[in-house]
Amino acid sequence: MTQKPPAYELDGRELVAEAPGLRVQVLTVGPEQCVPWHHHTQISDSFFCIEGQMVLETREPSSVLHLRVGQRAIVPPLQPHRVTAAGGVRCRFVIVQGVGTYDYLPEE
């Protein structure tokens, strides 16, 4: 299931656990960085903010969620989304990806 990380720069990317159909990471997004627009075919992304404030944007339907420490959100398969840090301060979050085969499909 291991796939090369997508080609975008983050302050931190730590793989916590990985098993067939499931992956857990801690990602750190700097003030000028983002996880660009993308979607997954099979897996959901479950986000848990652990530092700073993260902005989770989705399309189809469009929404903007501001997650503070301790808050969480889930993006289902096929829904385009991206993540940025809010307020010019880095954010860290746990992302649980599954259940299914991981893929990363960039959006325009």
N, C-alpha and C. Protein backbone atom coordinates (compact mmCIF):
# COMPACT_ATOMS: atom_id res chain seq x y z
N MET A 1 0.82 -1.20 0.00
CA MET A 1 0.00 0.00 0.00
C MET A 1 0.86 1.26 0.00
N THR A 2 2.10 1.17 0.42
CA THR A 2 2.94 2.35 0.49
C THR A 2 3.07 2.99 -0.88
N GLN A 3 2.82 4.27 -0.95
CA GLN A 3 2.92 5.04 -2.18
C GLN A 3 3.82 6.24 -1.88
N LYS A 4 4.62 6.64 -2.85
CA LYS A 4 5.48 7.82 -2.68
C LYS A 4 4.60 9.02 -2.29
N PRO A 5 5.06 9.83 -1.30
CA PRO A 5 4.27 11.00 -0.91
C PRO A 5 4.05 11.94 -2.10
N PRO A 6 2.90 12.59 -2.16
CA PRO A 6 2.64 13.55 -3.24
C PRO A 6 3.70 14.65 -3.26
N ALA A 7 3.87 15.26 -4.42
CA ALA A 7 4.94 16.26 -4.63
C ALA A 7 4.52 17.66 -4.21
N TYR A 8 4.29 17.87 -2.95
CA TYR A 8 4.09 19.21 -2.41
C TYR A 8 4.85 19.27 -1.10
N GLU A 9 5.31 20.47 -0.76
CA GLU A 9 6.18 20.62 0.41
C GLU A 9 5.38 20.94 1.66
N LEU A 10 5.72 20.25 2.74
CA LEU A 10 5.14 20.50 4.05
C LEU A 10 6.27 20.63 5.06
N ASP A 11 5.99 21.29 6.19
CA ASP A 11 6.99 21.39 7.26
C ASP A 11 7.24 20.04 7.90
N GLY A 12 6.27 19.14 7.88
CA GLY A 12 6.46 17.82 8.48
C GLY A 12 5.48 16.80 7.95
N ARG A 13 5.98 15.57 7.84
CA ARG A 13 5.15 14.45 7.39
C ARG A 13 5.67 13.21 8.12
N GLU A 14 4.88 12.69 9.05
CA GLU A 14 5.30 11.54 9.85
C GLU A 14 4.29 10.41 9.68
N LEU A 15 4.76 9.29 9.19
CA LEU A 15 3.91 8.11 9.07
C LEU A 15 3.86 7.43 10.44
N VAL A 16 2.67 7.34 11.02
CA VAL A 16 2.49 6.75 12.34
C VAL A 16 2.23 5.26 12.23
N ALA A 17 1.34 4.89 11.31
CA ALA A 17 1.00 3.47 11.14
C ALA A 17 0.44 3.27 9.75
N GLU A 18 0.69 2.07 9.22
CA GLU A 18 0.16 1.72 7.91
C GLU A 18 -0.10 0.22 7.87
N ALA A 19 -1.26 -0.13 7.37
CA ALA A 19 -1.65 -1.52 7.18
C ALA A 19 -2.50 -1.57 5.91
N PRO A 20 -2.70 -2.73 5.35
CA PRO A 20 -3.53 -2.79 4.14
C PRO A 20 -4.88 -2.09 4.36
N GLY A 21 -5.13 -1.07 3.54
CA GLY A 21 -6.40 -0.35 3.59
C GLY A 21 -6.49 0.77 4.60
N LEU A 22 -5.41 1.05 5.34
CA LEU A 22 -5.47 2.08 6.38
C LEU A 22 -4.10 2.72 6.59
N ARG A 23 -4.09 4.05 6.74
CA ARG A 23 -2.85 4.78 6.99
C ARG A 23 -3.13 5.91 7.95
N VAL A 24 -2.18 6.15 8.88
CA VAL A 24 -2.28 7.23 9.86
C VAL A 24 -0.99 8.05 9.77
N GLN A 25 -1.13 9.37 9.61
CA GLN A 25 0.01 10.27 9.52
C GLN A 25 -0.23 11.49 10.40
N VAL A 26 0.88 12.17 10.75
CA VAL A 26 0.82 13.50 11.34
C VAL A 26 1.45 14.43 10.32
N LEU A 27 0.69 15.43 9.86
CA LEU A 27 1.17 16.39 8.88
C LEU A 27 1.26 17.77 9.53
N THR A 28 2.32 18.51 9.16
CA THR A 28 2.50 19.88 9.63
C THR A 28 2.53 20.79 8.42
N VAL A 29 1.59 21.72 8.38
CA VAL A 29 1.46 22.66 7.26
C VAL A 29 1.91 24.03 7.74
N GLY A 30 2.94 24.57 7.06
CA GLY A 30 3.45 25.89 7.40
C GLY A 30 2.53 27.00 6.92
N PRO A 31 2.77 28.24 7.35
CA PRO A 31 1.90 29.36 7.02
C PRO A 31 1.71 29.61 5.53
N GLU A 32 2.70 29.33 4.71
CA GLU A 32 2.62 29.58 3.27
C GLU A 32 2.42 28.29 2.47
N GLN A 33 2.11 27.19 3.16
CA GLN A 33 1.97 25.89 2.50
C GLN A 33 0.52 25.44 2.45
N CYS A 34 0.30 24.39 1.66
CA CYS A 34 -1.03 23.78 1.65
C CYS A 34 -0.92 22.35 1.16
N VAL A 35 -1.90 21.56 1.51
CA VAL A 35 -2.14 20.28 0.86
C VAL A 35 -3.08 20.64 -0.28
N PRO A 36 -2.60 20.60 -1.54
CA PRO A 36 -3.38 21.13 -2.66
C PRO A 36 -4.67 20.35 -2.92
N TRP A 37 -5.51 20.97 -3.73
CA TRP A 37 -6.78 20.33 -4.12
C TRP A 37 -6.52 18.94 -4.68
N HIS A 38 -7.26 17.98 -4.16
CA HIS A 38 -7.16 16.59 -4.61
C HIS A 38 -8.37 15.82 -4.13
N HIS A 39 -8.46 14.58 -4.56
CA HIS A 39 -9.47 13.67 -4.03
C HIS A 39 -8.91 12.25 -4.03
N HIS A 40 -9.66 11.36 -3.41
CA HIS A 40 -9.29 9.94 -3.36
C HIS A 40 -10.48 9.13 -3.89
N THR A 41 -10.18 8.02 -4.53
CA THR A 41 -11.29 7.24 -5.10
C THR A 41 -12.01 6.39 -4.07
N GLN A 42 -11.27 5.78 -3.15
CA GLN A 42 -11.89 4.83 -2.22
C GLN A 42 -11.90 5.28 -0.77
N ILE A 43 -10.89 6.01 -0.37
CA ILE A 43 -10.72 6.26 1.07
C ILE A 43 -11.34 7.58 1.52
N SER A 44 -11.69 7.61 2.79
CA SER A 44 -12.07 8.86 3.46
C SER A 44 -10.84 9.41 4.16
N ASP A 45 -10.77 10.73 4.28
CA ASP A 45 -9.75 11.39 5.09
C ASP A 45 -10.43 11.87 6.37
N SER A 46 -9.95 11.41 7.51
CA SER A 46 -10.44 11.88 8.80
C SER A 46 -9.35 12.76 9.41
N PHE A 47 -9.68 14.02 9.65
CA PHE A 47 -8.73 15.03 10.13
C PHE A 47 -8.98 15.31 11.61
N PHE A 48 -7.89 15.39 12.40
CA PHE A 48 -7.95 15.74 13.82
C PHE A 48 -6.91 16.81 14.06
N CYS A 49 -7.33 18.04 14.33
CA CYS A 49 -6.41 19.15 14.54
C CYS A 49 -5.75 19.00 15.91
N ILE A 50 -4.38 19.07 15.93
CA ILE A 50 -3.66 18.92 17.20
C ILE A 50 -2.79 20.13 17.54
N GLU A 51 -2.64 21.07 16.59
CA GLU A 51 -1.88 22.29 16.88
C GLU A 51 -2.30 23.38 15.90
N GLY A 52 -2.44 24.61 16.38
CA GLY A 52 -2.83 25.72 15.51
C GLY A 52 -4.28 25.61 15.09
N GLN A 53 -4.56 26.16 13.92
CA GLN A 53 -5.90 26.11 13.36
C GLN A 53 -5.76 25.78 11.88
N MET A 54 -6.47 24.77 11.44
CA MET A 54 -6.41 24.36 10.04
C MET A 54 -7.69 24.75 9.32
N VAL A 55 -7.54 25.02 8.03
CA VAL A 55 -8.68 25.35 7.19
C VAL A 55 -8.84 24.20 6.19
N LEU A 56 -10.00 23.58 6.23
CA LEU A 56 -10.33 22.48 5.34
C LEU A 56 -11.40 22.96 4.38
N GLU A 57 -11.03 23.04 3.10
CA GLU A 57 -11.97 23.46 2.08
C GLU A 57 -12.39 22.26 1.25
N THR A 58 -13.67 22.23 0.86
CA THR A 58 -14.18 21.16 0.01
C THR A 58 -14.94 21.75 -1.17
N ARG A 59 -15.07 20.94 -2.18
CA ARG A 59 -15.92 21.25 -3.34
C ARG A 59 -16.92 20.10 -3.48
N GLU A 60 -18.03 20.43 -4.10
CA GLU A 60 -19.05 19.43 -4.44
C GLU A 60 -19.54 18.65 -3.22
N PRO A 61 -20.11 19.26 -2.20
CA PRO A 61 -20.46 20.68 -2.11
C PRO A 61 -19.31 21.52 -1.56
N SER A 62 -19.37 22.81 -1.83
CA SER A 62 -18.37 23.75 -1.35
C SER A 62 -18.58 24.06 0.11
N SER A 63 -17.49 24.01 0.87
CA SER A 63 -17.55 24.41 2.28
C SER A 63 -16.16 24.82 2.73
N VAL A 64 -16.12 25.61 3.80
CA VAL A 64 -14.87 26.00 4.43
C VAL A 64 -15.03 25.75 5.92
N LEU A 65 -14.21 24.86 6.46
CA LEU A 65 -14.26 24.53 7.88
C LEU A 65 -12.97 25.00 8.54
N HIS A 66 -13.10 25.69 9.67
CA HIS A 66 -11.95 26.11 10.47
C HIS A 66 -11.90 25.17 11.67
N LEU A 67 -10.89 24.32 11.70
CA LEU A 67 -10.76 23.36 12.80
C LEU A 67 -9.71 23.83 13.78
N ARG A 68 -10.10 23.90 15.05
CA ARG A 68 -9.19 24.25 16.13
C ARG A 68 -8.73 22.96 16.82
N VAL A 69 -7.78 23.09 17.71
CA VAL A 69 -7.26 21.93 18.44
C VAL A 69 -8.41 21.15 19.06
N GLY A 70 -8.41 19.85 18.81
CA GLY A 70 -9.45 18.97 19.36
C GLY A 70 -10.64 18.76 18.45
N GLN A 71 -10.75 19.53 17.39
CA GLN A 71 -11.88 19.37 16.48
C GLN A 71 -11.50 18.44 15.34
N ARG A 72 -12.53 17.85 14.73
CA ARG A 72 -12.27 16.89 13.65
C ARG A 72 -13.29 17.03 12.53
N ALA A 73 -12.94 16.47 11.39
CA ALA A 73 -13.82 16.48 10.22
C ALA A 73 -13.45 15.29 9.34
N ILE A 74 -14.41 14.86 8.55
CA ILE A 74 -14.21 13.74 7.63
C ILE A 74 -14.58 14.18 6.22
N VAL A 75 -13.71 13.84 5.27
CA VAL A 75 -13.98 14.08 3.85
C VAL A 75 -14.17 12.71 3.20
N PRO A 76 -15.34 12.46 2.60
CA PRO A 76 -15.60 11.15 2.01
C PRO A 76 -14.86 10.96 0.67
N PRO A 77 -14.80 9.73 0.19
CA PRO A 77 -14.19 9.47 -1.11
C PRO A 77 -14.82 10.35 -2.20
N LEU A 78 -14.02 10.69 -3.19
CA LEU A 78 -14.41 11.44 -4.38
C LEU A 78 -14.64 12.93 -4.16
N GLN A 79 -14.67 13.40 -2.91
CA GLN A 79 -14.90 14.83 -2.66
C GLN A 79 -13.58 15.59 -2.72
N PRO A 80 -13.44 16.55 -3.65
CA PRO A 80 -12.23 17.36 -3.73
C PRO A 80 -12.07 18.20 -2.46
N HIS A 81 -10.82 18.29 -1.99
CA HIS A 81 -10.54 19.05 -0.77
C HIS A 81 -9.10 19.51 -0.75
N ARG A 82 -8.83 20.50 0.12
CA ARG A 82 -7.47 20.98 0.36
C ARG A 82 -7.38 21.48 1.79
N VAL A 83 -6.14 21.58 2.30
CA VAL A 83 -5.91 22.00 3.67
C VAL A 83 -4.86 23.11 3.68
N THR A 84 -5.12 24.17 4.46
CA THR A 84 -4.16 25.25 4.68
C THR A 84 -4.12 25.55 6.18
N ALA A 85 -3.09 26.29 6.58
CA ALA A 85 -2.99 26.77 7.96
C ALA A 85 -3.70 28.12 8.03
N ALA A 86 -4.31 28.40 9.17
CA ALA A 86 -5.04 29.66 9.34
C ALA A 86 -4.20 30.66 10.12
N GLY A 87 -4.41 31.93 9.85
CA GLY A 87 -3.84 33.01 10.65
C GLY A 87 -2.34 33.15 10.59
N GLY A 88 -1.71 32.66 9.53
CA GLY A 88 -0.26 32.82 9.39
C GLY A 88 0.55 32.00 10.37
N VAL A 89 -0.06 30.98 10.97
CA VAL A 89 0.62 30.13 11.95
C VAL A 89 0.49 28.68 11.49
N ARG A 90 1.57 27.92 11.62
CA ARG A 90 1.51 26.52 11.16
C ARG A 90 0.46 25.74 11.93
N CYS A 91 0.00 24.66 11.30
CA CYS A 91 -0.93 23.76 11.97
C CYS A 91 -0.42 22.33 11.83
N ARG A 92 -0.79 21.51 12.79
CA ARG A 92 -0.48 20.08 12.75
C ARG A 92 -1.78 19.34 12.92
N PHE A 93 -1.88 18.23 12.21
CA PHE A 93 -3.07 17.41 12.33
C PHE A 93 -2.76 15.95 12.09
N VAL A 94 -3.57 15.12 12.70
CA VAL A 94 -3.53 13.69 12.44
C VAL A 94 -4.52 13.43 11.32
N ILE A 95 -4.09 12.62 10.35
CA ILE A 95 -4.99 12.24 9.27
C ILE A 95 -5.04 10.72 9.22
N VAL A 96 -6.26 10.20 9.31
CA VAL A 96 -6.50 8.76 9.19
C VAL A 96 -7.13 8.55 7.83
N GLN A 97 -6.50 7.71 7.01
CA GLN A 97 -6.95 7.49 5.64
C GLN A 97 -7.32 6.02 5.46
N GLY A 98 -8.58 5.80 5.09
CA GLY A 98 -9.05 4.44 4.87
C GLY A 98 -10.55 4.43 4.87
N VAL A 99 -11.13 3.37 4.72
CA VAL A 99 -10.59 2.04 4.48
C VAL A 99 -10.65 1.80 2.98
N GLY A 100 -9.53 1.33 2.41
CA GLY A 100 -9.46 1.08 0.99
C GLY A 100 -8.06 1.36 0.47
N THR A 101 -7.91 1.29 -0.82
CA THR A 101 -6.62 1.54 -1.45
C THR A 101 -6.36 3.02 -1.54
N TYR A 102 -5.19 3.47 -1.04
CA TYR A 102 -4.84 4.87 -1.06
C TYR A 102 -4.47 5.31 -2.48
N ASP A 103 -4.98 6.47 -2.87
CA ASP A 103 -4.52 7.16 -4.07
C ASP A 103 -4.64 8.65 -3.81
N TYR A 104 -3.90 9.43 -4.59
CA TYR A 104 -3.91 10.89 -4.48
C TYR A 104 -4.10 11.41 -5.89
N LEU A 105 -5.27 12.00 -6.16
CA LEU A 105 -5.60 12.47 -7.50
C LEU A 105 -5.74 13.98 -7.49
N PRO A 106 -4.71 14.71 -8.02
CA PRO A 106 -4.74 16.17 -8.02
C PRO A 106 -5.93 16.71 -8.79
N GLU A 107 -6.42 17.85 -8.31
CA GLU A 107 -7.51 18.58 -8.97
C GLU A 107 -6.93 19.83 -9.61
N GLU A 108 -7.58 20.34 -10.63
CA GLU A 108 -7.16 21.58 -11.28
C GLU A 108 -7.53 22.76 -10.41
